[in-house]
Protein backbone atom coordinates (compact mmCIF):
# COMPACT_ATOMS: atom_id res chain seq x y z
CA MET A 1 -131.13 1.89 -68.66
CA ALA A 2 -127.93 3.75 -67.97
CA THR A 3 -124.90 3.86 -70.21
CA GLU A 4 -121.51 3.03 -68.80
CA LYS A 5 -118.38 4.18 -70.59
CA VAL A 6 -115.15 2.25 -70.10
CA LEU A 7 -111.75 3.07 -71.57
CA THR A 8 -109.87 -0.10 -72.61
CA ASP A 9 -106.63 -0.21 -74.60
CA ALA A 10 -107.15 3.34 -75.84
CA LYS A 11 -110.68 2.53 -77.07
CA LEU A 12 -113.84 3.85 -75.60
CA VAL A 13 -116.38 1.06 -75.13
CA GLU A 14 -119.98 1.83 -74.26
CA THR A 15 -122.15 -0.79 -72.60
CA LYS A 16 -125.71 -0.56 -71.39
CA VAL A 17 -126.19 -1.36 -67.74
CA LYS A 18 -129.50 -2.00 -66.00
CA VAL A 19 -129.80 0.08 -62.88
CA LYS A 20 -132.02 -1.30 -60.14
CA PRO A 21 -133.81 1.19 -57.92
CA ALA A 22 -132.85 1.10 -54.26
CA LEU A 23 -135.19 -0.90 -52.11
CA SER A 24 -136.91 1.17 -49.51
CA ARG A 25 -138.88 -0.04 -46.55
CA LYS A 26 -142.09 1.83 -45.93
CA THR A 27 -142.48 2.76 -42.30
CA THR A 28 -145.54 4.98 -42.21
CA ASP A 29 -147.66 3.13 -44.79
CA ASP A 30 -147.07 -0.45 -43.58
CA PRO A 31 -150.35 -2.38 -43.64
CA GLN A 32 -151.78 -3.21 -40.25
CA GLN A 33 -151.00 -6.70 -38.94
CA LEU A 34 -153.76 -8.30 -36.91
CA ILE A 35 -153.77 -11.58 -35.02
CA TYR A 36 -156.94 -13.51 -34.18
CA ILE A 37 -156.91 -14.47 -30.49
CA GLY A 38 -160.34 -16.10 -30.19
CA PRO A 39 -161.21 -19.80 -30.34
CA SER A 40 -160.73 -21.68 -33.61
CA ILE A 41 -163.84 -21.73 -35.80
CA ASN A 42 -164.71 -23.95 -38.76
CA LYS A 43 -168.08 -22.86 -40.12
CA ASN A 44 -169.62 -22.99 -43.61
CA GLY A 45 -166.30 -23.83 -45.24
CA MET A 46 -164.49 -20.98 -43.49
CA ALA A 47 -161.69 -21.83 -41.09
CA LEU A 48 -160.33 -19.34 -38.59
CA ARG A 49 -157.57 -20.53 -36.27
CA THR A 50 -156.36 -19.11 -32.98
CA ASN A 51 -153.18 -17.02 -33.51
CA GLN A 52 -153.79 -16.75 -37.26
CA THR A 53 -152.17 -13.53 -38.51
CA PHE A 54 -153.54 -11.20 -41.18
CA ILE A 55 -151.89 -8.31 -43.01
CA GLY A 56 -153.99 -5.32 -44.05
CA GLY A 57 -156.71 -5.22 -41.42
CA HIS A 58 -159.81 -7.38 -41.06
CA PRO A 59 -160.02 -9.94 -43.88
CA GLU A 60 -163.02 -9.34 -46.12
CA TYR A 61 -163.62 -13.04 -46.78
CA PHE A 62 -164.84 -13.52 -43.17
CA LYS A 63 -167.83 -11.14 -43.68
CA GLU A 64 -170.26 -13.99 -43.06
CA LEU A 65 -168.60 -14.75 -39.71
CA TYR A 66 -168.73 -11.06 -38.77
CA THR A 67 -172.48 -11.12 -39.44
CA MET A 68 -173.12 -14.36 -37.50
CA TYR A 69 -170.87 -13.35 -34.57
CA PRO A 70 -170.73 -9.53 -34.25
CA LEU A 71 -168.24 -9.61 -31.34
CA ILE A 72 -165.68 -11.61 -33.31
CA LYS A 73 -164.09 -8.49 -34.83
CA GLN A 74 -162.89 -7.47 -31.36
CA LEU A 75 -160.75 -10.61 -31.29
CA PHE A 76 -158.60 -9.40 -34.21
CA VAL A 77 -155.99 -7.34 -32.37
CA PRO A 78 -152.77 -5.64 -33.49
CA VAL A 79 -149.82 -8.01 -33.09
CA ALA A 80 -148.07 -5.49 -30.82
CA GLU A 81 -151.02 -5.60 -28.39
CA MET A 82 -151.41 -9.38 -28.28
CA ARG A 83 -150.01 -9.90 -24.77
CA LYS A 84 -152.22 -7.18 -23.24
CA SER A 85 -155.26 -8.50 -25.11
CA ILE A 86 -154.76 -12.06 -23.86
CA GLN A 87 -154.63 -10.71 -20.30
CA GLN A 88 -157.97 -9.02 -20.97
CA ILE A 89 -159.44 -12.30 -22.26
CA ASN A 90 -158.47 -13.94 -18.97
CA THR A 91 -160.08 -11.12 -16.93
CA THR A 92 -163.78 -11.74 -16.29
CA GLY A 93 -166.10 -9.01 -17.54
CA THR A 94 -163.78 -7.32 -20.04
CA ALA A 95 -164.97 -6.76 -23.60
CA LEU A 96 -162.54 -9.36 -24.97
CA ASN A 97 -163.57 -11.89 -22.31
CA ILE A 98 -167.23 -11.43 -23.23
CA ALA A 99 -166.39 -11.76 -26.95
CA VAL A 100 -164.61 -15.08 -26.34
CA GLN A 101 -167.45 -16.35 -24.13
CA SER A 102 -169.95 -15.57 -26.92
CA LEU A 103 -167.99 -17.86 -29.25
CA LYS A 104 -167.73 -20.84 -26.86
CA GLY A 105 -169.26 -23.91 -28.43
CA VAL A 106 -169.10 -22.59 -32.00
């Protein structure tokens, strides 16, 4: 707490003032934002939807899905690369296209 001194009618009055720290936006340490661009999956009580966004990298609670479908991790892409990644999904033979094909019918 900081102390503020104010002079009123020839009297010095001290009051305590709470000082809030300035808000700063981290630019270099921002957690990675990923978006899932594969088909929606609802398996063993876990639901993963197309275009679902995650902050902080690959979510740990989908470990079982990662084990059952090893190519699924490729379908979590940085938000900034979403457009390019969708083009790759639509191009036959690319890694992302093969990953999506492996999940068809799940």
